[in-house]
Structure formats: structure tokens, C-alpha cells
Amino acid sequence: MNELHNMIKEHAETEHFSGTVLVKRDSESLLESAFGFADRSEGRKNTLHTRFGIASGCKLFTAVAICQLIEKGEVSYHSPIKEYFEGTFPHFDGCVTIHQLLTHTSGIPDYFDEEVMDDFEELWKQTPTYLMRKGEDFLPLFQNGHMKFSPGERFHYNNAGYIILGLMIEKLSGMTVQEYINKYIFEPANMNTSGYFRLDRLPENTAYGYIDEPGRSWRTNMYSIPIQGGADGGAYVTGPDMLSFWEALLKNKLLDEESTRLISEPHVRVKEGVNYGYGMWLNLPHKHHVMGYDPGVNFHSAYYPEENIKTVILSNESSGAFAVMKLIESYFKRKKGEPQWALLK
């Protein structure tokens, strides 16, 4: 795999990519590389064991947690959320279900609506990020809003839906969503260095997120994202931990066989060639993937079932991971000469 390594290395140097890249097929590691700095001020370099934020990439963890609680009979996919949050959302349609929140088809208003806003930092001009510590803190940003469309009508990516799913996890388990995911997902998946760390209490070997500005200046994302991640995004993982997550999920260590099938089933069409399952994007039958973007954070991780290949690209800058992912896919397309790689979006 020297050719793949050299290709990624050249790209990283040319494009100033900062992060880690891992590729694994079956039990064989095909690529493990790290580039750039976890701490620019101190010159601390990224390594394979550096922790990175993954923004919305951890919606899949929330989906797995909900599926676990459904397996235990605590709730069902078709349970209306009004049964658990009476009076909390006065203008929401009473028919909104867990399934619709998982698949972004609920029609509820969002606190960060990507059809209306394109700058996540704009949110925090009136609401300081250091106040956003738990799910309840987000409720004033959307709970009194009105429906955008009827439940189940169409796909519209929605962060608020996953905030509600996190509150559901807390109601049913008696734990915070961070505690639950740590105990029932990170621990059984051997994700021993992952967690929902506060920005003002980052542990060792964690990359600071960087936002580049004109004139070669930069700043960290300390005041650009919530101080602690939760159900809709903000966990920190390492590359090896994310590979361990995929392996645990695929081997039914986190869910039973039926739930594992359901989580990666296409529940709603997003656009031509792209569907959404529970917490993951699907380019079927060739690719299951998750991604996350925040100021100073970008992340892509995918599982390619036909090749049993898993990839993880973590970065502590606002862009770069997508281009690396496409390079990896183009490499395997060229090497294998198989048409399915050409279909990946």
C-alpha cells in the first residue's frame, strides 16, 4: 500500500491537511497516517492516537443508543414523542415519532436550519457557547417554533431532532446521554479514549480545532461550538477507536442482528443515489458512512460492505476530510477496476 500512502502524503502536504487517516480491510491495516498539528502554538503534532472532535458524526452513537432502548422494550420506533414531553413543544404535530426523528423526516423546526443559515457561529452571538452544556440548554432555541412540514413528508436534516432523542435517552435510562453512550457504546466497543469532553477540560492527546482567517492568522474554535457535545454532535474519538466502533457494530456487539440491519436500512431517500438509515448516510449497496462539520472540525468515516473496507478521516480544521475520502475511493476504483466505486457520491 505504499502507493496509497504516498498519494495521501503528497495530497496532505500540498493541501496542508491536518488530521489522521486510517484504512482497514478485514483485519489488515492498509493505511495509518497523521499530519499537521494538534496544538499549533506548542508545535504538538497529530498522531494516530490523537483525539479529534467529530461534530455530527456521533449522531450514529445516539441512534445506536435509541435502538438499544427499543430492544429493551423501553420505547418503540413509532412512539409519539408527545407521550414523553407533554407541553414541552406546544406547536409540534402530535404524530411526530422516534423513527421520524432518527431519519430527519419529523418536520419539526431546527435550532440550526441549514436551509436558512450557513454559519454555525452565528448562533452563539446571543447565546454564549459556555452555557450549552446539556440537551435542555438547546430547547429555547427551537421548542416554540412551528412545524416546517407534515411528519414523514420528506427528508430535511435536523439537529434538534437528535437533541430530543438525547433527552429521550436520559428519561428512559436515568443517565446523561454522555454517560449512557460511554457505558453502553464506547466501553463495549473498546473505544477507550473516546468521550464527550468539555472544551475547557480537554484531556491529553486531544487536538484543538482551528479556524483559519485571512492573512494567515487563525484562532481555535473555543467560542464557536458548544462547550460540551451531546446527542446531536460533539464527541471526540481517535482513528483506532472509530474503527473499533464499526467492527463492534458490524459484529452485533452493540445491537442484535435485526437492529443492526434496521440501522443501516434505507428509510428515506435524500437525493439520487443517497439514502438515510438511522444516524448514517447510505450509498447502497456500496457505502455506509457518517460525517461531521463544525468550525474547526471535519470528519468522514465509511464502511464499504462489498470490500469490507473501513476508512476514518479526522481533521482539526474546517475542511479537508472529504477530499481525502474521495482520493481513497479513487485509488480503490483504479486498482480494482470495479464499476461500483464509480458510483460513490
Protein backbone atom coordinates (compact mmCIF):
# COMPACT_ATOMS: atom_id res chain seq x y z
CA MET A 1 0.00 0.00 0.00
CA ASN A 2 2.99 2.33 -0.48
CA GLU A 3 1.23 3.89 -3.46
CA LEU A 4 -1.82 4.81 -1.39
CA HIS A 5 0.36 6.13 1.43
CA ASN A 6 2.41 8.26 -0.96
CA MET A 7 -0.70 9.59 -2.67
CA ILE A 8 -2.27 10.67 0.63
CA LYS A 9 1.04 12.07 1.91
CA GLU A 10 1.51 14.18 -1.22
CA HIS A 11 -2.05 15.46 -1.01
CA ALA A 12 -1.71 16.28 2.70
CA GLU A 13 1.50 18.23 2.12
CA THR A 14 0.13 20.11 -0.88
CA GLU A 15 -3.23 20.95 0.70
CA HIS A 16 -1.88 21.38 4.26
CA PHE A 17 -4.23 18.71 5.59
CA SER A 18 -4.21 18.39 9.38
CA GLY A 19 -5.50 15.15 10.88
CA THR A 20 -5.28 11.37 10.72
CA VAL A 21 -6.21 8.89 8.00
CA LEU A 22 -6.84 5.18 8.57
CA VAL A 23 -7.88 2.49 6.11
CA LYS A 24 -8.52 -1.12 7.08
CA ARG A 25 -9.66 -4.15 5.06
CA ASP A 26 -10.78 -7.21 7.01
CA SER A 27 -8.16 -7.40 9.79
CA GLU A 28 -5.39 -5.82 7.71
CA SER A 29 -4.36 -2.20 8.19
CA LEU A 30 -3.81 -0.64 4.77
CA LEU A 31 -3.01 2.90 5.85
CA GLU A 32 -2.27 4.72 9.12
CA SER A 33 -1.03 8.28 8.71
CA ALA A 34 -1.06 11.50 10.72
CA PHE A 35 -0.39 15.04 9.52
CA GLY A 36 -0.26 18.56 10.89
CA PHE A 37 -0.51 19.87 14.43
CA ALA A 38 -2.83 19.10 17.32
CA ASP A 39 -1.56 22.25 19.04
CA ARG A 40 -0.11 24.86 16.69
CA SER A 41 1.16 27.12 19.45
CA GLU A 42 3.21 24.41 21.12
CA GLY A 43 4.13 22.55 17.92
CA ARG A 44 2.49 19.34 19.16
CA LYS A 45 1.92 17.08 16.17
CA ASN A 46 -1.09 14.94 15.42
CA THR A 47 -0.55 11.21 15.91
CA LEU A 48 -2.64 8.11 15.28
CA HIS A 49 -3.81 8.32 18.88
CA THR A 50 -4.82 11.98 18.88
CA ARG A 51 -8.44 12.63 19.82
CA PHE A 52 -10.48 14.70 17.36
CA GLY A 53 -13.95 16.19 17.52
CA ILE A 54 -16.36 14.61 15.04
CA ALA A 55 -19.32 17.03 15.19
CA SER A 56 -22.46 15.39 13.75
CA GLY A 57 -20.60 12.14 13.12
CA CYS A 58 -21.73 10.98 16.54
CA LYS A 59 -25.42 11.08 15.63
CA LEU A 60 -24.84 7.40 14.85
CA PHE A 61 -23.95 6.79 18.52
CA THR A 62 -27.25 8.39 19.54
CA ALA A 63 -29.13 6.24 17.03
CA VAL A 64 -27.49 3.09 18.39
CA ALA A 65 -28.41 4.13 21.94
CA ILE A 66 -32.08 4.60 20.97
CA CYS A 67 -32.10 1.23 19.20
CA GLN A 68 -30.70 -0.40 22.36
CA LEU A 69 -33.53 1.07 24.44
CA ILE A 70 -36.05 -0.12 21.86
CA GLU A 71 -34.58 -3.63 22.10
CA LYS A 72 -35.18 -3.47 25.87
CA GLY A 73 -38.82 -2.52 25.29
CA GLU A 74 -38.45 0.94 26.82
CA VAL A 75 -39.89 2.68 23.75
CA SER A 76 -40.70 1.86 20.11
CA TYR A 77 -39.76 3.34 16.77
CA HIS A 78 -43.33 4.54 16.31
CA SER A 79 -43.84 6.03 19.78
CA PRO A 80 -45.09 9.65 19.52
CA ILE A 81 -42.74 11.99 21.34
CA LYS A 82 -45.70 13.87 22.85
CA GLU A 83 -46.15 10.94 25.25
CA TYR A 84 -42.78 11.78 26.86
CA PHE A 85 -42.66 15.57 26.55
CA GLU A 86 -46.13 16.81 27.39
CA GLY A 87 -46.34 20.57 26.96
CA THR A 88 -42.66 20.97 26.02
CA PHE A 89 -43.30 21.55 22.31
CA PRO A 90 -46.62 23.40 22.05
CA HIS A 91 -46.68 23.78 18.26
CA PHE A 92 -45.29 20.38 17.21
CA ASP A 93 -47.54 17.90 15.44
CA GLY A 94 -48.65 15.24 17.93
CA CYS A 95 -47.86 12.50 15.42
CA VAL A 96 -44.08 13.03 15.38
CA THR A 97 -42.38 9.70 16.18
CA ILE A 98 -38.98 8.38 17.24
CA HIS A 99 -38.50 6.91 13.76
CA GLN A 100 -39.04 10.33 12.18
CA LEU A 101 -36.54 11.99 14.50
CA LEU A 102 -33.96 9.30 13.67
CA THR A 103 -34.46 9.77 9.92
CA HIS A 104 -34.77 13.59 9.79
CA THR A 105 -38.33 13.34 8.49
CA SER A 106 -40.19 14.79 11.51
CA GLY A 107 -40.80 18.27 10.09
CA ILE A 108 -40.03 19.97 13.42
CA PRO A 109 -38.10 23.27 13.45
CA ASP A 110 -34.34 23.15 13.94
CA TYR A 111 -32.09 25.32 16.09
CA PHE A 112 -29.59 25.42 13.21
CA ASP A 113 -31.51 25.18 9.95
CA GLU A 114 -29.07 24.66 7.09
CA GLU A 115 -31.70 25.85 4.60
CA VAL A 116 -31.69 29.23 6.33
CA MET A 117 -28.24 29.58 7.94
CA ASP A 118 -24.79 28.63 6.71
CA ASP A 119 -22.62 29.92 9.57
CA PHE A 120 -22.84 27.85 12.76
CA GLU A 121 -21.02 30.60 14.67
CA GLU A 122 -23.93 33.00 14.10
CA LEU A 123 -25.95 31.00 16.66
CA TRP A 124 -23.73 31.97 19.55
CA LYS A 125 -23.84 35.76 19.23
CA GLN A 126 -26.87 35.86 21.51
CA THR A 127 -26.40 32.55 23.34
CA PRO A 128 -22.85 32.06 24.72
CA THR A 129 -21.38 28.66 23.91
CA TYR A 130 -20.25 28.14 27.51
CA LEU A 131 -23.92 27.91 28.56
CA MET A 132 -24.61 24.96 26.19
CA ARG A 133 -23.80 22.06 28.48
CA LYS A 134 -26.79 19.72 28.11
CA GLY A 135 -29.79 18.99 25.91
CA GLU A 136 -32.17 21.16 27.88
CA ASP A 137 -29.98 24.18 27.15
CA PHE A 138 -30.91 23.93 23.44
CA LEU A 139 -34.68 23.83 23.96
CA PRO A 140 -35.26 27.62 23.99
CA LEU A 141 -33.70 27.75 20.51
CA PHE A 142 -36.44 25.64 18.89
CA GLN A 143 -39.15 24.35 21.25
CA ASN A 144 -41.66 27.14 20.50
CA GLY A 145 -41.15 27.01 16.75
CA HIS A 146 -43.72 25.80 14.23
CA MET A 147 -43.63 22.74 12.01
CA LYS A 148 -41.83 23.09 8.67
CA PHE A 149 -43.84 20.28 7.04
CA SER A 150 -46.05 17.34 7.97
CA PRO A 151 -44.35 14.43 9.77
CA GLY A 152 -42.91 11.89 7.35
CA GLU A 153 -43.40 14.10 4.29
CA ARG A 154 -39.74 14.39 3.31
CA PHE A 155 -36.12 14.39 4.46
CA HIS A 156 -34.74 17.58 6.00
CA TYR A 157 -31.56 17.33 8.05
CA ASN A 158 -32.39 18.31 11.61
CA ASN A 159 -30.12 18.70 14.65
CA ALA A 160 -32.97 19.47 17.05
CA GLY A 161 -34.47 16.03 16.44
CA TYR A 162 -31.34 14.43 17.84
CA ILE A 163 -31.38 16.77 20.83
CA ILE A 164 -34.86 15.36 21.59
CA LEU A 165 -33.57 11.80 21.11
CA GLY A 166 -30.86 12.56 23.66
CA LEU A 167 -33.45 13.80 26.14
CA MET A 168 -35.40 10.59 25.50
CA ILE A 169 -32.31 8.52 26.32
CA GLU A 170 -31.94 10.43 29.58
CA LYS A 171 -35.61 9.99 30.54
CA LEU A 172 -35.56 6.26 29.91
CA SER A 173 -32.12 5.41 31.32
CA GLY A 174 -31.76 7.83 34.24
CA MET A 175 -28.29 8.72 32.94
CA THR A 176 -26.99 11.67 30.99
CA VAL A 177 -26.70 10.93 27.28
CA GLN A 178 -22.91 11.19 27.59
CA GLU A 179 -22.84 8.69 30.47
CA TYR A 180 -25.12 6.30 28.61
CA ILE A 181 -23.11 6.33 25.38
CA ASN A 182 -19.86 5.91 27.30
CA LYS A 183 -21.18 2.89 29.21
CA TYR A 184 -23.21 1.11 26.55
CA ILE A 185 -21.39 2.04 23.33
CA PHE A 186 -17.83 3.22 23.95
CA GLU A 187 -16.98 0.60 26.57
CA PRO A 188 -18.31 -2.50 24.76
CA ALA A 189 -16.76 -1.24 21.51
CA ASN A 190 -13.37 -0.80 23.24
CA MET A 191 -13.36 2.92 22.42
CA ASN A 192 -11.23 3.53 25.46
CA THR A 193 -10.00 7.02 24.60
CA SER A 194 -13.27 8.49 23.27
CA GLY A 195 -15.64 10.76 25.14
CA TYR A 196 -17.75 13.92 25.30
CA PHE A 197 -15.09 16.25 26.67
CA ARG A 198 -15.64 19.89 27.63
CA LEU A 199 -13.65 22.35 25.55
CA ASP A 200 -12.23 23.88 28.73
CA ARG A 201 -11.24 20.45 30.09
CA LEU A 202 -9.75 18.65 27.11
CA PRO A 203 -7.65 15.61 28.12
CA GLU A 204 -4.15 14.90 26.86
CA ASN A 205 -3.65 13.89 23.24
CA THR A 206 -6.61 15.97 22.06
CA ALA A 207 -6.42 18.21 19.00
CA TYR A 208 -7.58 21.80 19.25
CA GLY A 209 -9.94 22.79 16.45
CA TYR A 210 -8.60 25.58 14.25
CA ILE A 211 -10.35 28.21 12.15
CA ASP A 212 -8.10 29.82 9.54
CA GLU A 213 -8.61 33.51 8.82
CA PRO A 214 -7.37 35.90 6.12
CA GLY A 215 -3.75 36.97 6.33
CA ARG A 216 -2.50 33.58 7.62
CA SER A 217 -3.99 34.23 11.04
CA TRP A 218 -6.03 31.65 12.92
CA ARG A 219 -7.96 31.03 16.11
CA THR A 220 -9.25 28.00 17.97
CA ASN A 221 -12.94 27.05 17.93
CA MET A 222 -13.32 27.56 21.70
CA TYR A 223 -16.04 30.18 21.20
CA SER A 224 -17.52 28.72 18.02
CA ILE A 225 -19.14 25.47 19.20
CA PRO A 226 -20.98 24.36 22.37
CA ILE A 227 -18.68 23.80 25.31
CA GLN A 228 -19.68 20.12 25.54
CA GLY A 229 -21.05 17.79 22.89
CA GLY A 230 -24.20 15.74 23.23
CA ALA A 231 -26.76 13.76 21.28
CA ASP A 232 -26.57 15.79 18.08
CA GLY A 233 -22.79 16.10 17.89
CA GLY A 234 -19.52 16.92 19.58
CA ALA A 235 -17.92 13.67 20.72
CA TYR A 236 -14.15 13.15 20.48
CA VAL A 237 -12.67 9.93 19.07
CA THR A 238 -9.38 8.57 17.81
CA GLY A 239 -8.97 6.84 14.48
CA PRO A 240 -8.43 3.38 16.03
CA ASP A 241 -11.47 3.90 18.28
CA MET A 242 -13.68 4.70 15.29
CA LEU A 243 -12.52 1.54 13.53
CA SER A 244 -13.36 -0.37 16.71
CA PHE A 245 -16.84 1.13 16.65
CA TRP A 246 -17.51 -0.09 13.09
CA GLU A 247 -16.26 -3.57 13.97
CA ALA A 248 -18.39 -3.77 17.12
CA LEU A 249 -21.48 -2.59 15.22
CA LEU A 250 -20.98 -4.98 12.31
CA LYS A 251 -20.37 -7.94 14.64
CA ASN A 252 -23.62 -7.24 16.55
CA LYS A 253 -21.79 -6.38 19.77
CA LEU A 254 -23.84 -3.20 20.23
CA LEU A 255 -27.20 -4.31 18.82
CA ASP A 256 -28.84 -7.59 17.93
CA GLU A 257 -28.81 -8.73 14.31
CA GLU A 258 -32.25 -7.30 13.49
CA SER A 259 -31.47 -3.87 14.95
CA THR A 260 -28.11 -3.77 13.18
CA ARG A 261 -29.93 -4.46 9.92
CA LEU A 262 -32.50 -1.74 10.64
CA ILE A 263 -29.92 0.93 11.44
CA SER A 264 -28.33 0.53 8.00
CA GLU A 265 -31.57 0.10 6.08
CA PRO A 266 -32.58 2.92 3.69
CA HIS A 267 -35.52 4.55 5.46
CA VAL A 268 -35.72 7.73 3.40
CA ARG A 269 -34.39 8.95 0.07
CA VAL A 270 -32.21 12.05 0.39
CA LYS A 271 -31.36 12.51 -3.28
CA GLU A 272 -30.43 10.39 -6.29
CA GLY A 273 -28.13 7.61 -5.06
CA VAL A 274 -28.20 8.70 -1.40
CA ASN A 275 -30.47 7.42 1.38
CA TYR A 276 -30.51 7.76 5.15
CA GLY A 277 -30.79 4.99 7.72
CA TYR A 278 -30.70 5.62 11.45
CA GLY A 279 -27.85 8.06 12.08
CA MET A 280 -25.94 7.12 8.93
CA TRP A 281 -25.85 8.01 5.24
CA LEU A 282 -26.20 5.23 2.68
CA ASN A 283 -24.92 4.99 -0.89
CA LEU A 284 -26.26 1.49 -1.38
CA PRO A 285 -25.03 -1.12 -1.80
CA HIS A 286 -21.54 0.27 -1.82
CA LYS A 287 -21.11 2.58 1.14
CA HIS A 288 -22.35 3.30 4.67
CA HIS A 289 -20.90 6.48 6.13
CA VAL A 290 -21.02 9.23 8.73
CA MET A 291 -19.68 12.76 8.56
CA GLY A 292 -19.44 15.86 10.68
CA TYR A 293 -18.65 19.53 10.14
CA ASP A 294 -18.25 22.29 12.70
CA PRO A 295 -15.97 25.32 12.75
CA GLY A 296 -12.53 23.78 13.27
CA VAL A 297 -13.85 20.21 12.84
CA ASN A 298 -14.38 17.95 9.85
CA PHE A 299 -14.77 14.19 9.74
CA HIS A 300 -15.66 11.34 7.40
CA SER A 301 -15.81 7.63 8.17
CA ALA A 302 -17.16 4.90 5.92
CA TYR A 303 -17.75 1.17 5.63
CA TYR A 304 -17.69 -0.37 2.16
CA PRO A 305 -19.53 -3.70 2.53
CA GLU A 306 -18.54 -5.34 -0.76
CA GLU A 307 -14.83 -4.90 0.01
CA ASN A 308 -15.10 -4.99 3.83
CA ILE A 309 -13.07 -1.79 3.88
CA LYS A 310 -13.38 0.77 6.66
CA THR A 311 -11.99 4.30 6.49
CA VAL A 312 -11.60 7.05 9.07
CA ILE A 313 -10.53 10.62 8.25
CA LEU A 314 -10.34 13.01 11.21
CA SER A 315 -9.30 16.65 10.98
CA ASN A 316 -8.99 19.60 13.35
CA GLU A 317 -9.64 22.16 10.62
CA SER A 318 -12.90 23.20 8.97
CA SER A 319 -12.35 21.27 5.72
CA GLY A 320 -10.18 18.64 4.09
CA ALA A 321 -11.58 15.25 5.11
CA PHE A 322 -13.95 14.95 2.15
CA ALA A 323 -11.15 15.41 -0.39
CA VAL A 324 -9.08 12.71 1.33
CA MET A 325 -12.05 10.33 1.28
CA LYS A 326 -12.51 10.87 -2.46
CA LEU A 327 -8.80 10.21 -3.05
CA ILE A 328 -9.05 6.90 -1.21
CA GLU A 329 -12.13 5.90 -3.20
CA SER A 330 -10.48 6.86 -6.49
CA TYR A 331 -7.46 4.74 -5.57
CA PHE A 332 -9.52 1.60 -4.99
CA LYS A 333 -11.61 2.27 -8.08
CA ARG A 334 -8.47 2.43 -10.20
CA LYS A 335 -6.79 -0.57 -8.55
CA LYS A 336 -9.79 -2.86 -8.66
CA GLY A 337 -11.32 -1.64 -11.87
CA GLU A 338 -14.75 -2.37 -10.47
CA PRO A 339 -17.62 -0.08 -11.51
CA GLN A 340 -19.18 0.18 -8.06
CA TRP A 341 -16.52 2.63 -6.87
CA ALA A 342 -17.51 4.96 -9.69
CA LEU A 343 -21.00 5.16 -8.21
CA LEU A 344 -19.90 6.55 -4.86
CA LYS A 345 -21.14 10.08 -4.27
